[in-house]
Amino acid sequence: MINTIKSVLVFSLLVTVGSFGITGENANAADDPNQFYRLMKPALKRNPPLATDGIHDPESQGVKMLQEPKAALNVLNKGKSGNYVDWVKSLEKAEIKPLYDLKDKNAKSMPLDLKIVREVKGSMPDVVFTHRQHTEWLDCSNCHPDIFIPQKGANQMSMAEIMLGKKCGVCHGKVAFPVSECRLCHSAKTKAKKTSKKK
């Protein structure tokens, strides 16, 4: 099964880093905000053939080498949103084995077990960002320093910005679960209480 779905994993990673036959008109989600909602389509329109998905150049040799998403995704752990695959669970159960490096098939990932809590305003729980699940798939250089500056307080962001395909939205909504799944990110058990000083 692992060999059967390797190509779609490569497809996901390549779309994430913006290469492999992506058409110019869809290369930047900020140019077309609705492109962000690609993973929120009705069931019959999910995971279309690569040649007609509006993302890939149908003439690209790379697209012709890849397995069609529906065939590959159907055998994985079911998720509740997006392309309806629970990628983290599939990875944990060794149902998939992502290629960490396209040039070196023996290269191993170097997971970083680090959680970052981002405080958010209002009653929504704070965001818990887990590096481990991300670094099992991607090298740090995919996000740092171009998307996120690796320094506390240096990365201001908003949900509007994410929905326009920036920051977390570079991947989420395109190849990772969409932001309609609020609790997957806003998962802090308790919100830090701020103390006010009385005068």
Protein backbone atom coordinates (compact mmCIF):
# COMPACT_ATOMS: atom_id res chain seq x y z
CA MET A 1 0.00 0.00 0.00
CA ILE A 2 2.88 2.36 0.78
CA ASN A 3 4.23 2.16 -2.77
CA THR A 4 0.73 2.67 -4.18
CA ILE A 5 0.36 6.07 -2.58
CA LYS A 6 3.89 7.45 -2.69
CA SER A 7 3.16 9.49 -5.78
CA VAL A 8 0.22 11.34 -4.28
CA LEU A 9 2.34 12.21 -1.25
CA VAL A 10 4.99 13.60 -3.55
CA PHE A 11 2.17 15.49 -5.29
CA SER A 12 1.07 17.01 -1.97
CA LEU A 13 4.55 18.08 -1.00
CA LEU A 14 5.29 19.53 -4.42
CA VAL A 15 2.10 21.55 -4.46
CA THR A 16 3.00 22.76 -0.98
CA VAL A 17 6.37 24.13 -2.04
CA GLY A 18 4.99 25.52 -5.30
CA SER A 19 6.55 23.47 -8.07
CA PHE A 20 5.95 20.62 -10.51
CA GLY A 21 3.67 21.99 -13.20
CA ILE A 22 1.53 24.40 -11.21
CA THR A 23 -0.04 26.85 -13.61
CA GLY A 24 0.86 30.50 -13.21
CA GLU A 25 -2.70 31.67 -12.71
CA ASN A 26 -3.08 29.45 -9.62
CA ALA A 27 0.42 29.74 -8.23
CA ASN A 28 -0.56 32.46 -5.76
CA ALA A 29 -3.73 32.00 -3.74
CA ALA A 30 -3.78 35.70 -2.90
CA ASP A 31 -4.55 36.37 -6.59
CA ASP A 32 -7.71 34.28 -6.28
CA PRO A 33 -8.97 34.13 -2.67
CA ASN A 34 -11.58 31.50 -3.57
CA GLN A 35 -8.79 29.12 -4.56
CA PHE A 36 -8.19 28.72 -0.82
CA TYR A 37 -11.47 26.84 -0.53
CA ARG A 38 -10.40 24.09 -2.91
CA LEU A 39 -10.70 21.53 -0.09
CA MET A 40 -14.22 22.63 0.84
CA LYS A 41 -15.96 21.56 -2.37
CA PRO A 42 -19.03 19.27 -2.47
CA ALA A 43 -18.25 15.53 -2.39
CA LEU A 44 -18.66 15.00 -6.15
CA LYS A 45 -16.21 17.79 -6.93
CA ARG A 46 -13.49 16.75 -4.47
CA ASN A 47 -10.14 15.46 -5.71
CA PRO A 48 -10.72 15.92 -9.45
CA PRO A 49 -8.29 14.42 -11.98
CA LEU A 50 -4.98 16.29 -11.95
CA ALA A 51 -5.34 17.31 -15.59
CA THR A 52 -8.60 19.15 -14.86
CA ASP A 53 -8.11 20.42 -11.30
CA GLY A 54 -7.19 23.94 -12.40
CA ILE A 55 -3.94 23.80 -10.45
CA HIS A 56 -1.69 21.62 -12.58
CA ASP A 57 -0.61 22.14 -16.15
CA PRO A 58 -2.23 19.19 -17.99
CA GLU A 59 0.69 19.21 -20.46
CA SER A 60 3.31 18.79 -17.74
CA GLN A 61 5.24 15.52 -17.84
CA GLY A 62 5.18 15.47 -14.03
CA VAL A 63 1.38 15.48 -13.89
CA LYS A 64 1.28 12.47 -16.21
CA MET A 65 3.54 10.52 -13.81
CA LEU A 66 1.37 11.04 -10.72
CA GLN A 67 -1.37 8.75 -9.47
CA GLU A 68 -4.85 10.29 -9.49
CA PRO A 69 -5.85 11.55 -6.02
CA LYS A 70 -9.14 9.64 -5.71
CA ALA A 71 -7.44 6.29 -6.29
CA ALA A 72 -4.64 7.03 -3.84
CA LEU A 73 -6.62 8.72 -1.07
CA ASN A 74 -9.39 6.14 -0.91
CA VAL A 75 -7.21 3.59 0.93
CA LEU A 76 -6.12 5.93 3.75
CA ASN A 77 -7.55 6.73 7.19
CA LYS A 78 -10.70 8.78 6.81
CA GLY A 79 -10.78 12.36 8.04
CA LYS A 80 -13.67 14.74 8.69
CA SER A 81 -12.81 17.57 6.32
CA GLY A 82 -10.82 18.74 3.33
CA ASN A 83 -9.90 15.75 1.18
CA TYR A 84 -11.34 13.53 3.95
CA VAL A 85 -8.02 11.91 4.80
CA ASP A 86 -6.59 11.97 8.31
CA TRP A 87 -2.97 12.39 7.25
CA VAL A 88 -1.54 12.48 10.77
CA LYS A 89 -3.27 9.24 11.75
CA SER A 90 -2.24 7.59 8.48
CA LEU A 91 1.35 8.63 9.15
CA GLU A 92 1.25 7.42 12.78
CA LYS A 93 -0.13 4.03 11.69
CA ALA A 94 2.64 3.73 9.05
CA GLU A 95 0.06 3.51 6.28
CA ILE A 96 2.08 6.06 4.39
CA LYS A 97 5.76 6.85 4.13
CA PRO A 98 6.35 10.32 2.68
CA LEU A 99 9.47 10.87 0.63
CA TYR A 100 11.41 13.37 2.68
CA ASP A 101 13.84 14.21 -0.12
CA LEU A 102 13.04 13.71 -3.80
CA LYS A 103 16.72 13.21 -4.68
CA ASP A 104 17.60 10.88 -1.80
CA LYS A 105 14.99 8.19 -1.20
CA ASN A 106 16.83 7.02 1.93
CA ALA A 107 16.78 10.43 3.60
CA LYS A 108 15.00 10.42 6.95
CA SER A 109 12.92 13.20 8.42
CA MET A 110 14.18 14.97 11.52
CA PRO A 111 11.02 15.61 13.55
CA LEU A 112 11.17 18.45 16.05
CA ASP A 113 8.97 17.77 19.08
CA LEU A 114 8.17 21.37 19.94
CA LYS A 115 4.78 22.93 20.63
CA ILE A 116 4.19 26.66 20.37
CA VAL A 117 1.12 28.28 21.93
CA ARG A 118 -0.09 31.40 20.14
CA GLU A 119 -2.41 33.56 22.20
CA VAL A 120 -5.53 34.76 20.41
CA LYS A 121 -8.04 37.43 21.35
CA GLY A 122 -11.59 36.67 22.45
CA SER A 123 -13.07 33.43 23.71
CA MET A 124 -11.56 31.15 21.06
CA PRO A 125 -8.95 28.81 22.61
CA ASP A 126 -5.33 29.66 21.91
CA VAL A 127 -3.60 27.99 18.97
CA VAL A 128 -1.24 25.11 19.69
CA PHE A 129 1.20 24.65 16.82
CA THR A 130 2.83 21.24 16.84
CA HIS A 131 6.14 21.12 15.01
CA ARG A 132 6.32 17.32 15.17
CA GLN A 133 3.44 16.63 12.76
CA HIS A 134 4.80 19.21 10.33
CA THR A 135 8.48 18.22 10.45
CA GLU A 136 7.65 14.56 9.82
CA TRP A 137 6.60 15.74 6.35
CA LEU A 138 8.63 18.84 5.64
CA ASP A 139 12.08 20.26 6.19
CA CYS A 140 12.21 23.42 8.32
CA SER A 141 13.30 25.43 5.26
CA ASN A 142 9.84 24.98 3.71
CA CYS A 143 8.47 27.45 6.26
CA HIS A 144 11.48 29.29 7.70
CA PRO A 145 12.35 32.07 7.14
CA ASP A 146 10.21 32.91 4.08
CA ILE A 147 6.76 32.19 5.56
CA PHE A 148 7.52 32.40 9.27
CA ILE A 149 10.44 34.20 10.91
CA PRO A 150 11.78 31.82 13.60
CA GLN A 151 11.62 34.38 16.39
CA LYS A 152 9.05 34.94 19.13
CA GLY A 153 6.71 37.83 18.36
CA ALA A 154 7.97 38.28 14.79
CA ASN A 155 4.97 36.69 13.04
CA GLN A 156 1.77 38.67 13.25
CA MET A 157 -1.14 36.98 11.50
CA SER A 158 -4.89 36.96 11.24
CA MET A 159 -7.55 34.54 10.02
CA ALA A 160 -8.25 36.89 7.11
CA GLU A 161 -4.60 36.64 6.04
CA ILE A 162 -4.65 32.86 6.37
CA MET A 163 -7.82 32.65 4.27
CA LEU A 164 -6.07 34.67 1.56
CA GLY A 165 -3.42 31.96 1.32
CA LYS A 166 -0.73 33.54 3.47
CA LYS A 167 1.05 32.22 6.59
CA CYS A 168 -0.70 28.92 7.53
CA GLY A 169 -2.88 29.34 4.43
CA VAL A 170 0.07 28.58 2.17
CA CYS A 171 -0.78 24.90 2.85
CA HIS A 172 -4.02 24.75 4.82
CA GLY A 173 -6.97 24.73 2.49
CA LYS A 174 -4.85 23.59 -0.45
CA VAL A 175 -3.05 20.38 0.53
CA ALA A 176 -3.76 20.36 4.27
CA PHE A 177 -7.09 20.52 6.10
CA PRO A 178 -9.07 23.77 5.66
CA VAL A 179 -9.59 26.36 8.39
CA SER A 180 -13.21 25.25 8.76
CA GLU A 181 -11.79 22.77 11.30
CA CYS A 182 -11.19 25.42 13.96
CA ARG A 183 -10.49 23.05 16.87
CA LEU A 184 -7.61 21.30 15.12
CA CYS A 185 -5.55 24.47 15.63
CA HIS A 186 -7.39 26.27 18.41
CA SER A 187 -6.79 23.38 20.76
CA ALA A 188 -5.35 24.83 23.99
CA LYS A 189 -7.07 23.15 26.93
CA THR A 190 -7.28 26.31 29.00
CA LYS A 191 -6.83 29.90 28.02
CA ALA A 192 -4.19 31.80 29.95
CA LYS A 193 -5.90 34.25 32.30
CA LYS A 194 -4.56 37.75 32.27
CA THR A 195 -4.25 39.47 35.59
CA SER A 196 -5.28 43.09 35.81
CA LYS A 197 -3.66 45.52 38.19
CA LYS A 198 -6.09 47.69 40.12
CA LYS A 199 -5.09 51.27 40.78
